[in-house]
Every structure is written in C-alpha cells, then in structure tokens.
All heavy atoms as atom14 arrays in JSON, in Angstrom:
{
  "sequence": "LLFFLGILLLVGMLKQIGVLDMLANVYGIYNPDVSNFFTGMASALLDN",
  "atom14_mask": [
    [1, 1, 1, 1, 1, 1, 1, 1, 0, 0, 0, 0, 0, 0],
    [1, 1, 1, 1, 1, 1, 1, 1, 0, 0, 0, 0, 0, 0],
    [1, 1, 1, 1, 1, 1, 1, 1, 1, 1, 1, 0, 0, 0],
    [1, 1, 1, 1, 1, 1, 1, 1, 1, 1, 1, 0, 0, 0],
    [1, 1, 1, 1, 1, 1, 1, 1, 0, 0, 0, 0, 0, 0],
    [1, 1, 1, 1, 0, 0, 0, 0, 0, 0, 0, 0, 0, 0],
    [1, 1, 1, 1, 1, 1, 1, 1, 0, 0, 0, 0, 0, 0],
    [1, 1, 1, 1, 1, 1, 1, 1, 0, 0, 0, 0, 0, 0],
    [1, 1, 1, 1, 1, 1, 1, 1, 0, 0, 0, 0, 0, 0],
    [1, 1, 1, 1, 1, 1, 1, 1, 0, 0, 0, 0, 0, 0],
    [1, 1, 1, 1, 1, 1, 1, 0, 0, 0, 0, 0, 0, 0],
    [1, 1, 1, 1, 0, 0, 0, 0, 0, 0, 0, 0, 0, 0],
    [1, 1, 1, 1, 1, 1, 1, 1, 0, 0, 0, 0, 0, 0],
    [1, 1, 1, 1, 1, 1, 1, 1, 0, 0, 0, 0, 0, 0],
    [1, 1, 1, 1, 1, 1, 1, 1, 1, 0, 0, 0, 0, 0],
    [1, 1, 1, 1, 1, 1, 1, 1, 1, 0, 0, 0, 0, 0],
    [1, 1, 1, 1, 1, 1, 1, 1, 0, 0, 0, 0, 0, 0],
    [1, 1, 1, 1, 0, 0, 0, 0, 0, 0, 0, 0, 0, 0],
    [1, 1, 1, 1, 1, 1, 1, 0, 0, 0, 0, 0, 0, 0],
    [1, 1, 1, 1, 1, 1, 1, 1, 0, 0, 0, 0, 0, 0],
    [1, 1, 1, 1, 1, 1, 1, 1, 0, 0, 0, 0, 0, 0],
    [1, 1, 1, 1, 1, 1, 1, 1, 0, 0, 0, 0, 0, 0],
    [1, 1, 1, 1, 1, 1, 1, 1, 0, 0, 0, 0, 0, 0],
    [1, 1, 1, 1, 1, 0, 0, 0, 0, 0, 0, 0, 0, 0],
    [1, 1, 1, 1, 1, 1, 1, 1, 0, 0, 0, 0, 0, 0],
    [1, 1, 1, 1, 1, 1, 1, 0, 0, 0, 0, 0, 0, 0],
    [1, 1, 1, 1, 1, 1, 1, 1, 1, 1, 1, 1, 0, 0],
    [1, 1, 1, 1, 0, 0, 0, 0, 0, 0, 0, 0, 0, 0],
    [1, 1, 1, 1, 1, 1, 1, 1, 0, 0, 0, 0, 0, 0],
    [1, 1, 1, 1, 1, 1, 1, 1, 1, 1, 1, 1, 0, 0],
    [1, 1, 1, 1, 1, 1, 1, 1, 0, 0, 0, 0, 0, 0],
    [1, 1, 1, 1, 1, 1, 1, 0, 0, 0, 0, 0, 0, 0],
    [1, 1, 1, 1, 1, 1, 1, 1, 0, 0, 0, 0, 0, 0],
    [1, 1, 1, 1, 1, 1, 1, 0, 0, 0, 0, 0, 0, 0],
    [1, 1, 1, 1, 1, 1, 0, 0, 0, 0, 0, 0, 0, 0],
    [1, 1, 1, 1, 1, 1, 1, 1, 0, 0, 0, 0, 0, 0],
    [1, 1, 1, 1, 1, 1, 1, 1, 1, 1, 1, 0, 0, 0],
    [1, 1, 1, 1, 1, 1, 1, 1, 1, 1, 1, 0, 0, 0],
    [1, 1, 1, 1, 1, 1, 1, 0, 0, 0, 0, 0, 0, 0],
    [1, 1, 1, 1, 0, 0, 0, 0, 0, 0, 0, 0, 0, 0],
    [1, 1, 1, 1, 1, 1, 1, 1, 0, 0, 0, 0, 0, 0],
    [1, 1, 1, 1, 1, 0, 0, 0, 0, 0, 0, 0, 0, 0],
    [1, 1, 1, 1, 1, 1, 0, 0, 0, 0, 0, 0, 0, 0],
    [1, 1, 1, 1, 1, 0, 0, 0, 0, 0, 0, 0, 0, 0],
    [1, 1, 1, 1, 1, 1, 1, 1, 0, 0, 0, 0, 0, 0],
    [1, 1, 1, 1, 1, 1, 1, 1, 0, 0, 0, 0, 0, 0],
    [1, 1, 1, 1, 1, 1, 1, 1, 0, 0, 0, 0, 0, 0],
    [1, 1, 1, 1, 1, 1, 1, 1, 0, 0, 0, 0, 0, 0]
  ],
  "atom14_positions": [
    [[-1.22, 1.65, 19.63], [-0.3, 0.48, 19.39], [-1.19, -0.53, 18.67], [-0.56, -1.2, 17.74], [0.07, -0.11, 20.82], [0.97, 0.82, 21.67], [1.31, 0.09, 22.98], [2.19, 1.15, 20.95], [0.0, 0.0, 0.0], [0.0, 0.0, 0.0], [0.0, 0.0, 0.0], [0.0, 0.0, 0.0], [0.0, 0.0, 0.0], [0.0, 0.0, 0.0]],
    [[-2.4, -0.61, 18.91], [-3.29, -1.55, 18.15], [-3.37, -1.18, 16.58], [-3.46, -2.01, 15.79], [-4.67, -1.68, 18.79], [-4.72, -2.42, 20.15], [-6.14, -2.44, 20.75], [-4.21, -3.83, 20.0], [0.0, 0.0, 0.0], [0.0, 0.0, 0.0], [0.0, 0.0, 0.0], [0.0, 0.0, 0.0], [0.0, 0.0, 0.0], [0.0, 0.0, 0.0]],
    [[-3.42, 0.1, 16.46], [-3.49, 0.69, 15.05], [-2.21, 0.46, 14.4], [-2.19, -0.06, 13.21], [-3.81, 2.18, 15.18], [-4.02, 2.75, 13.73], [-4.66, 2.11, 12.86], [-3.49, 4.08, 13.59], [-4.82, 2.79, 11.54], [-3.79, 4.7, 12.27], [-4.32, 4.07, 11.29], [0.0, 0.0, 0.0], [0.0, 0.0, 0.0], [0.0, 0.0, 0.0]],
    [[-1.16, 0.54, 15.07], [0.15, 0.26, 14.55], [0.26, -1.23, 14.06], [0.72, -1.61, 12.96], [1.27, 0.57, 15.53], [2.0, 1.81, 15.2], [1.93, 2.88, 16.22], [2.73, 2.06, 14.17], [2.48, 4.1, 16.09], [3.38, 3.21, 13.89], [3.31, 4.28, 14.78], [0.0, 0.0, 0.0], [0.0, 0.0, 0.0], [0.0, 0.0, 0.0]],
    [[-0.31, -2.12, 15.02], [-0.25, -3.54, 14.83], [-0.97, -3.96, 13.54], [-0.48, -4.65, 12.72], [-0.85, -4.28, 15.95], [-1.01, -5.82, 15.9], [0.26, -6.37, 15.68], [-1.64, -6.28, 17.29], [0.0, 0.0, 0.0], [0.0, 0.0, 0.0], [0.0, 0.0, 0.0], [0.0, 0.0, 0.0], [0.0, 0.0, 0.0], [0.0, 0.0, 0.0]],
    [[-2.2, -3.35, 13.34], [-2.9, -3.58, 12.17], [-2.24, -3.23, 10.91], [-2.24, -3.96, 9.9], [0.0, 0.0, 0.0], [0.0, 0.0, 0.0], [0.0, 0.0, 0.0], [0.0, 0.0, 0.0], [0.0, 0.0, 0.0], [0.0, 0.0, 0.0], [0.0, 0.0, 0.0], [0.0, 0.0, 0.0], [0.0, 0.0, 0.0], [0.0, 0.0, 0.0]],
    [[-1.73, -1.92, 10.89], [-1.17, -1.33, 9.71], [0.02, -2.21, 9.37], [0.26, -2.53, 8.19], [-0.66, 0.0, 9.97], [-1.9, 1.01, 10.07], [0.31, 0.68, 8.89], [-2.65, 1.21, 8.72], [0.0, 0.0, 0.0], [0.0, 0.0, 0.0], [0.0, 0.0, 0.0], [0.0, 0.0, 0.0], [0.0, 0.0, 0.0], [0.0, 0.0, 0.0]],
    [[0.92, -2.56, 10.31], [2.13, -3.32, 10.03], [1.95, -4.81, 9.65], [2.62, -5.26, 8.79], [3.06, -3.23, 11.2], [3.57, -1.89, 11.52], [4.46, -1.95, 12.9], [4.51, -1.32, 10.4], [0.0, 0.0, 0.0], [0.0, 0.0, 0.0], [0.0, 0.0, 0.0], [0.0, 0.0, 0.0], [0.0, 0.0, 0.0], [0.0, 0.0, 0.0]],
    [[0.84, -5.32, 10.06], [0.41, -6.6, 9.62], [-0.12, -6.6, 8.17], [0.3, -7.42, 7.43], [-0.82, -7.17, 10.47], [-0.43, -7.81, 11.79], [-1.64, -8.11, 12.62], [0.4, -9.02, 11.7], [0.0, 0.0, 0.0], [0.0, 0.0, 0.0], [0.0, 0.0, 0.0], [0.0, 0.0, 0.0], [0.0, 0.0, 0.0], [0.0, 0.0, 0.0]],
    [[-0.8, -5.49, 7.78], [-1.16, -5.43, 6.37], [0.12, -5.08, 5.56], [0.18, -5.71, 4.38], [-2.14, -4.23, 6.28], [-3.55, -4.37, 6.77], [-4.37, -3.17, 6.94], [-4.31, -5.51, 5.87], [0.0, 0.0, 0.0], [0.0, 0.0, 0.0], [0.0, 0.0, 0.0], [0.0, 0.0, 0.0], [0.0, 0.0, 0.0], [0.0, 0.0, 0.0]],
    [[0.9, -4.34, 5.91], [2.15, -4.0, 5.23], [3.1, -5.31, 5.04], [3.58, -5.66, 3.91], [2.97, -2.86, 5.69], [4.27, -2.79, 5.08], [2.15, -1.54, 5.64], [0.0, 0.0, 0.0], [0.0, 0.0, 0.0], [0.0, 0.0, 0.0], [0.0, 0.0, 0.0], [0.0, 0.0, 0.0], [0.0, 0.0, 0.0], [0.0, 0.0, 0.0]],
    [[3.16, -6.08, 6.05], [3.89, -7.31, 6.07], [3.28, -8.26, 5.01], [4.0, -8.95, 4.35], [0.0, 0.0, 0.0], [0.0, 0.0, 0.0], [0.0, 0.0, 0.0], [0.0, 0.0, 0.0], [0.0, 0.0, 0.0], [0.0, 0.0, 0.0], [0.0, 0.0, 0.0], [0.0, 0.0, 0.0], [0.0, 0.0, 0.0], [0.0, 0.0, 0.0]],
    [[1.98, -8.27, 5.06], [1.24, -9.15, 4.03], [1.59, -8.65, 2.71], [1.84, -9.5, 1.75], [-0.24, -9.13, 4.33], [-1.15, -9.94, 3.37], [-1.57, -8.95, 1.9], [-2.59, -7.69, 2.61], [0.0, 0.0, 0.0], [0.0, 0.0, 0.0], [0.0, 0.0, 0.0], [0.0, 0.0, 0.0], [0.0, 0.0, 0.0], [0.0, 0.0, 0.0]],
    [[1.53, -7.43, 2.44], [1.85, -6.92, 1.06], [3.26, -7.26, 0.62], [3.5, -7.53, -0.52], [1.58, -5.47, 0.91], [0.12, -5.04, 1.08], [0.05, -3.46, 1.11], [-0.7, -5.51, -0.08], [0.0, 0.0, 0.0], [0.0, 0.0, 0.0], [0.0, 0.0, 0.0], [0.0, 0.0, 0.0], [0.0, 0.0, 0.0], [0.0, 0.0, 0.0]],
    [[4.19, -7.2, 1.61], [5.48, -7.59, 1.34], [5.52, -9.11, 0.97], [6.3, -9.51, 0.11], [6.32, -7.3, 2.5], [7.86, -7.63, 2.39], [8.6, -7.33, 3.59], [10.18, -7.8, 3.55], [10.89, -7.48, 4.78], [0.0, 0.0, 0.0], [0.0, 0.0, 0.0], [0.0, 0.0, 0.0], [0.0, 0.0, 0.0], [0.0, 0.0, 0.0]],
    [[4.9, -9.93, 1.72], [4.89, -11.33, 1.53], [4.33, -11.77, 0.21], [4.84, -12.66, -0.53], [3.98, -11.98, 2.57], [3.72, -13.51, 2.52], [4.94, -14.26, 2.57], [6.02, -13.86, 3.2], [4.92, -15.6, 2.02], [0.0, 0.0, 0.0], [0.0, 0.0, 0.0], [0.0, 0.0, 0.0], [0.0, 0.0, 0.0], [0.0, 0.0, 0.0]],
    [[3.3, -11.06, -0.32], [2.81, -11.49, -1.58], [3.55, -10.72, -2.84], [3.1, -10.86, -4.05], [1.3, -11.11, -1.75], [1.03, -9.69, -1.56], [0.55, -11.93, -0.6], [-0.46, -9.21, -1.77], [0.0, 0.0, 0.0], [0.0, 0.0, 0.0], [0.0, 0.0, 0.0], [0.0, 0.0, 0.0], [0.0, 0.0, 0.0], [0.0, 0.0, 0.0]],
    [[4.49, -9.96, -2.56], [5.45, -9.53, -3.49], [5.08, -8.03, -4.11], [5.76, -7.66, -5.07], [0.0, 0.0, 0.0], [0.0, 0.0, 0.0], [0.0, 0.0, 0.0], [0.0, 0.0, 0.0], [0.0, 0.0, 0.0], [0.0, 0.0, 0.0], [0.0, 0.0, 0.0], [0.0, 0.0, 0.0], [0.0, 0.0, 0.0], [0.0, 0.0, 0.0]],
    [[4.11, -7.32, -3.52], [3.72, -6.0, -3.89], [4.91, -5.16, -3.81], [5.2, -4.32, -4.75], [2.48, -5.68, -3.08], [2.24, -4.13, -3.43], [1.38, -6.37, -3.39], [0.0, 0.0, 0.0], [0.0, 0.0, 0.0], [0.0, 0.0, 0.0], [0.0, 0.0, 0.0], [0.0, 0.0, 0.0], [0.0, 0.0, 0.0], [0.0, 0.0, 0.0]],
    [[5.6, -5.16, -2.76], [6.76, -4.18, -2.55], [7.9, -4.51, -3.6], [8.47, -3.58, -4.08], [7.34, -4.3, -1.2], [6.32, -3.86, -0.07], [7.07, -3.89, 1.24], [5.76, -2.51, -0.27], [0.0, 0.0, 0.0], [0.0, 0.0, 0.0], [0.0, 0.0, 0.0], [0.0, 0.0, 0.0], [0.0, 0.0, 0.0], [0.0, 0.0, 0.0]],
    [[8.02, -5.79, -3.85], [9.07, -6.15, -4.87], [8.71, -5.62, -6.27], [9.42, -5.3, -6.97], [9.31, -7.65, -4.86], [9.98, -8.12, -3.67], [10.77, -7.31, -3.02], [9.75, -9.36, -3.22], [0.0, 0.0, 0.0], [0.0, 0.0, 0.0], [0.0, 0.0, 0.0], [0.0, 0.0, 0.0], [0.0, 0.0, 0.0], [0.0, 0.0, 0.0]],
    [[7.42, -5.66, -6.52], [6.84, -5.24, -7.72], [7.14, -3.67, -7.95], [7.36, -3.23, -9.01], [5.32, -5.42, -7.88], [4.59, -5.07, -9.2], [2.89, -5.5, -9.26], [2.2, -4.43, -7.83], [0.0, 0.0, 0.0], [0.0, 0.0, 0.0], [0.0, 0.0, 0.0], [0.0, 0.0, 0.0], [0.0, 0.0, 0.0], [0.0, 0.0, 0.0]],
    [[6.85, -2.99, -6.83], [7.15, -1.56, -6.86], [8.54, -1.24, -7.19], [8.99, -0.32, -7.9], [6.77, -0.9, -5.62], [5.29, -0.87, -5.22], [4.92, -0.23, -3.91], [4.56, 0.02, -6.23], [0.0, 0.0, 0.0], [0.0, 0.0, 0.0], [0.0, 0.0, 0.0], [0.0, 0.0, 0.0], [0.0, 0.0, 0.0], [0.0, 0.0, 0.0]],
    [[9.52, -2.13, -6.62], [10.91, -1.96, -6.88], [11.26, -2.14, -8.3], [12.12, -1.47, -8.92], [11.79, -2.97, -5.94], [0.0, 0.0, 0.0], [0.0, 0.0, 0.0], [0.0, 0.0, 0.0], [0.0, 0.0, 0.0], [0.0, 0.0, 0.0], [0.0, 0.0, 0.0], [0.0, 0.0, 0.0], [0.0, 0.0, 0.0], [0.0, 0.0, 0.0]],
    [[10.49, -3.19, -8.97], [10.77, -3.36, -10.39], [10.29, -2.15, -11.12], [10.94, -1.8, -12.15], [10.01, -4.61, -10.67], [10.77, -5.86, -10.2], [11.83, -5.88, -9.83], [9.84, -6.95, -9.99], [0.0, 0.0, 0.0], [0.0, 0.0, 0.0], [0.0, 0.0, 0.0], [0.0, 0.0, 0.0], [0.0, 0.0, 0.0], [0.0, 0.0, 0.0]],
    [[9.15, -1.65, -10.85], [8.59, -0.37, -11.55], [9.52, 0.75, -11.37], [9.73, 1.6, -12.29], [7.2, -0.05, -11.05], [6.72, 1.18, -11.61], [6.17, -1.24, -11.38], [0.0, 0.0, 0.0], [0.0, 0.0, 0.0], [0.0, 0.0, 0.0], [0.0, 0.0, 0.0], [0.0, 0.0, 0.0], [0.0, 0.0, 0.0], [0.0, 0.0, 0.0]],
    [[10.18, 0.81, -10.12], [11.15, 1.91, -9.96], [12.15, 2.1, -11.03], [12.52, 3.19, -11.45], [11.79, 1.7, -8.6], [12.85, 2.75, -8.16], [12.43, 3.85, -7.4], [14.18, 2.53, -8.51], [13.48, 4.66, -7.05], [15.12, 3.49, -8.12], [14.82, 4.6, -7.48], [15.71, 5.5, -7.08], [0.0, 0.0, 0.0], [0.0, 0.0, 0.0]],
    [[12.71, 0.94, -11.46], [13.83, 0.98, -12.42], [13.36, 1.42, -13.89], [14.33, 1.62, -14.73], [0.0, 0.0, 0.0], [0.0, 0.0, 0.0], [0.0, 0.0, 0.0], [0.0, 0.0, 0.0], [0.0, 0.0, 0.0], [0.0, 0.0, 0.0], [0.0, 0.0, 0.0], [0.0, 0.0, 0.0], [0.0, 0.0, 0.0], [0.0, 0.0, 0.0]],
    [[12.16, 1.52, -14.08], [11.75, 1.83, -15.43], [11.85, 3.31, -15.84], [12.23, 3.56, -17.01], [10.17, 1.41, -15.64], [10.05, -0.07, -15.5], [9.75, 1.86, -17.0], [8.56, -0.48, -15.5], [0.0, 0.0, 0.0], [0.0, 0.0, 0.0], [0.0, 0.0, 0.0], [0.0, 0.0, 0.0], [0.0, 0.0, 0.0], [0.0, 0.0, 0.0]],
    [[11.83, 4.14, -14.81], [11.78, 5.58, -15.17], [13.11, 6.22, -14.73], [13.89, 5.59, -14.08], [10.62, 6.17, -14.52], [9.37, 5.53, -14.84], [8.73, 4.65, -14.04], [8.56, 5.96, -16.1], [7.44, 4.02, -14.42], [7.41, 5.52, -16.41], [6.9, 4.48, -15.66], [5.7, 4.0, -15.99], [0.0, 0.0, 0.0], [0.0, 0.0, 0.0]],
    [[13.3, 7.47, -14.99], [14.31, 8.31, -14.56], [14.44, 8.27, -13.05], [13.41, 8.46, -12.36], [14.23, 9.75, -15.06], [15.33, 10.62, -14.64], [15.51, 11.0, -13.44], [16.27, 10.91, -15.58], [0.0, 0.0, 0.0], [0.0, 0.0, 0.0], [0.0, 0.0, 0.0], [0.0, 0.0, 0.0], [0.0, 0.0, 0.0], [0.0, 0.0, 0.0]],
    [[15.66, 8.09, -12.39], [15.59, 7.87, -10.97], [15.09, 9.12, -10.18], [14.44, 8.97, -9.05], [17.25, 7.74, -10.67], [17.69, 7.13, -12.01], [16.94, 7.72, -12.97], [0.0, 0.0, 0.0], [0.0, 0.0, 0.0], [0.0, 0.0, 0.0], [0.0, 0.0, 0.0], [0.0, 0.0, 0.0], [0.0, 0.0, 0.0], [0.0, 0.0, 0.0]],
    [[15.28, 10.32, -10.72], [14.76, 11.58, -10.04], [13.22, 11.44, -9.98], [12.62, 11.78, -9.06], [15.25, 12.82, -10.78], [16.73, 13.06, -10.5], [17.17, 12.51, -9.42], [17.33, 13.7, -11.3], [0.0, 0.0, 0.0], [0.0, 0.0, 0.0], [0.0, 0.0, 0.0], [0.0, 0.0, 0.0], [0.0, 0.0, 0.0], [0.0, 0.0, 0.0]],
    [[12.63, 10.98, -11.16], [11.17, 10.83, -11.17], [10.7, 9.75, -10.27], [9.78, 9.9, -9.53], [10.7, 10.57, -12.59], [9.15, 10.35, -12.69], [11.11, 11.88, -13.46], [0.0, 0.0, 0.0], [0.0, 0.0, 0.0], [0.0, 0.0, 0.0], [0.0, 0.0, 0.0], [0.0, 0.0, 0.0], [0.0, 0.0, 0.0], [0.0, 0.0, 0.0]],
    [[11.44, 8.66, -10.3], [11.06, 7.48, -9.57], [11.17, 7.66, -8.04], [10.38, 7.34, -7.29], [11.98, 6.32, -9.84], [11.72, 5.79, -11.24], [0.0, 0.0, 0.0], [0.0, 0.0, 0.0], [0.0, 0.0, 0.0], [0.0, 0.0, 0.0], [0.0, 0.0, 0.0], [0.0, 0.0, 0.0], [0.0, 0.0, 0.0], [0.0, 0.0, 0.0]],
    [[12.19, 8.45, -7.62], [12.43, 8.85, -6.2], [11.24, 9.74, -5.78], [10.72, 9.47, -4.6], [13.65, 9.6, -6.05], [14.86, 8.62, -6.14], [14.81, 7.43, -5.97], [16.1, 9.22, -6.39], [0.0, 0.0, 0.0], [0.0, 0.0, 0.0], [0.0, 0.0, 0.0], [0.0, 0.0, 0.0], [0.0, 0.0, 0.0], [0.0, 0.0, 0.0]],
    [[10.78, 10.6, -6.56], [9.71, 11.49, -6.18], [8.53, 10.71, -5.96], [7.79, 10.94, -4.82], [9.57, 12.58, -7.22], [8.5, 13.52, -6.99], [8.69, 14.68, -6.27], [7.09, 13.43, -7.53], [7.72, 15.62, -5.86], [6.14, 14.33, -7.18], [6.56, 15.43, -6.44], [0.0, 0.0, 0.0], [0.0, 0.0, 0.0], [0.0, 0.0, 0.0]],
    [[8.12, 9.86, -6.8], [6.96, 9.07, -6.67], [7.04, 7.96, -5.62], [6.06, 7.57, -5.04], [6.46, 8.56, -8.07], [5.83, 9.54, -8.86], [6.51, 10.14, -9.96], [4.57, 10.07, -8.67], [5.99, 11.13, -10.71], [4.0, 11.03, -9.44], [4.68, 11.63, -10.59], [0.0, 0.0, 0.0], [0.0, 0.0, 0.0], [0.0, 0.0, 0.0]],
    [[8.24, 7.47, -5.32], [8.43, 6.58, -4.25], [8.21, 7.12, -2.94], [7.53, 6.6, -2.12], [9.89, 6.0, -4.36], [10.21, 5.33, -5.49], [10.09, 5.06, -3.12], [0.0, 0.0, 0.0], [0.0, 0.0, 0.0], [0.0, 0.0, 0.0], [0.0, 0.0, 0.0], [0.0, 0.0, 0.0], [0.0, 0.0, 0.0], [0.0, 0.0, 0.0]],
    [[8.54, 8.4, -2.79], [8.16, 9.09, -1.5], [6.67, 9.27, -1.41], [6.19, 9.15, -0.28], [0.0, 0.0, 0.0], [0.0, 0.0, 0.0], [0.0, 0.0, 0.0], [0.0, 0.0, 0.0], [0.0, 0.0, 0.0], [0.0, 0.0, 0.0], [0.0, 0.0, 0.0], [0.0, 0.0, 0.0], [0.0, 0.0, 0.0], [0.0, 0.0, 0.0]],
    [[6.03, 9.5, -2.42], [4.47, 9.65, -2.47], [3.98, 8.32, -2.02], [2.96, 8.3, -1.29], [3.93, 10.27, -3.74], [4.41, 11.68, -4.14], [3.61, 12.3, -5.51], [1.87, 12.37, -5.01], [0.0, 0.0, 0.0], [0.0, 0.0, 0.0], [0.0, 0.0, 0.0], [0.0, 0.0, 0.0], [0.0, 0.0, 0.0], [0.0, 0.0, 0.0]],
    [[4.45, 7.27, -2.57], [3.98, 5.91, -2.36], [4.14, 5.51, -0.78], [3.43, 4.84, -0.27], [4.68, 4.82, -3.22], [0.0, 0.0, 0.0], [0.0, 0.0, 0.0], [0.0, 0.0, 0.0], [0.0, 0.0, 0.0], [0.0, 0.0, 0.0], [0.0, 0.0, 0.0], [0.0, 0.0, 0.0], [0.0, 0.0, 0.0], [0.0, 0.0, 0.0]],
    [[5.23, 6.12, -0.23], [5.44, 5.83, 1.17], [4.35, 6.43, 2.06], [4.28, 6.08, 3.23], [6.86, 6.28, 1.55], [6.97, 7.74, 1.65], [0.0, 0.0, 0.0], [0.0, 0.0, 0.0], [0.0, 0.0, 0.0], [0.0, 0.0, 0.0], [0.0, 0.0, 0.0], [0.0, 0.0, 0.0], [0.0, 0.0, 0.0], [0.0, 0.0, 0.0]],
    [[3.49, 7.21, 1.46], [2.36, 7.75, 2.33], [1.34, 6.63, 2.51], [0.5, 6.79, 3.41], [1.77, 9.01, 1.63], [0.0, 0.0, 0.0], [0.0, 0.0, 0.0], [0.0, 0.0, 0.0], [0.0, 0.0, 0.0], [0.0, 0.0, 0.0], [0.0, 0.0, 0.0], [0.0, 0.0, 0.0], [0.0, 0.0, 0.0], [0.0, 0.0, 0.0]],
    [[1.45, 5.67, 1.63], [0.49, 4.55, 1.78], [1.05, 3.29, 2.23], [0.37, 2.49, 2.89], [-0.22, 4.22, 0.4], [-1.33, 5.36, -0.03], [-1.67, 4.99, -1.44], [-2.5, 5.26, 0.78], [0.0, 0.0, 0.0], [0.0, 0.0, 0.0], [0.0, 0.0, 0.0], [0.0, 0.0, 0.0], [0.0, 0.0, 0.0], [0.0, 0.0, 0.0]],
    [[2.3, 3.08, 1.96], [3.0, 1.86, 2.28], [4.22, 2.27, 3.21], [4.79, 3.31, 3.0], [3.53, 1.13, 0.99], [2.5, 0.57, 0.05], [3.23, 0.08, -1.18], [1.66, -0.52, 0.7], [0.0, 0.0, 0.0], [0.0, 0.0, 0.0], [0.0, 0.0, 0.0], [0.0, 0.0, 0.0], [0.0, 0.0, 0.0], [0.0, 0.0, 0.0]],
    [[4.44, 1.34, 4.13], [5.52, 1.49, 5.15], [6.83, 1.75, 4.43], [7.25, 0.9, 3.53], [5.65, 0.35, 6.14], [6.54, 0.69, 7.16], [7.73, 0.88, 7.03], [6.09, 0.6, 8.4], [0.0, 0.0, 0.0], [0.0, 0.0, 0.0], [0.0, 0.0, 0.0], [0.0, 0.0, 0.0], [0.0, 0.0, 0.0], [0.0, 0.0, 0.0]],
    [[7.61, 2.82, 4.65], [8.77, 3.2, 3.96], [9.9, 2.25, 4.22], [10.83, 2.25, 3.49], [9.13, 4.68, 4.18], [9.37, 4.97, 5.62], [9.25, 4.1, 6.44], [9.76, 6.25, 5.93], [0.0, 0.0, 0.0], [0.0, 0.0, 0.0], [0.0, 0.0, 0.0], [0.0, 0.0, 0.0], [0.0, 0.0, 0.0], [0.0, 0.0, 0.0]]
  ]
}
C-alpha cells in the first residue's frame, strides 16, 4: 500500500504539471493505430 501511495503521488504530480496532457497532444500527431500501440507501452511507466 505504501508503494502504491508513492507511485500514485508521483503520477498525480506528473498530471499536475501537464506531462499527461502533453502525451495526449503527441498522440494526435501519428496514425491512431501506431499511437495506440505506443500509448499502451507508455502505460507501463505511467498510470493508465
């Protein structure tokens, strides 16, 4: 539970500073099938 707490605090911080919004903007640049594939890979590092 403490590990979850630390991870989610970090993800919440990244959301607060706009990192996740930036990823959403990058998503629209490429073909959706390609973007979806790499979005899934990104979810291995960032909370989906």
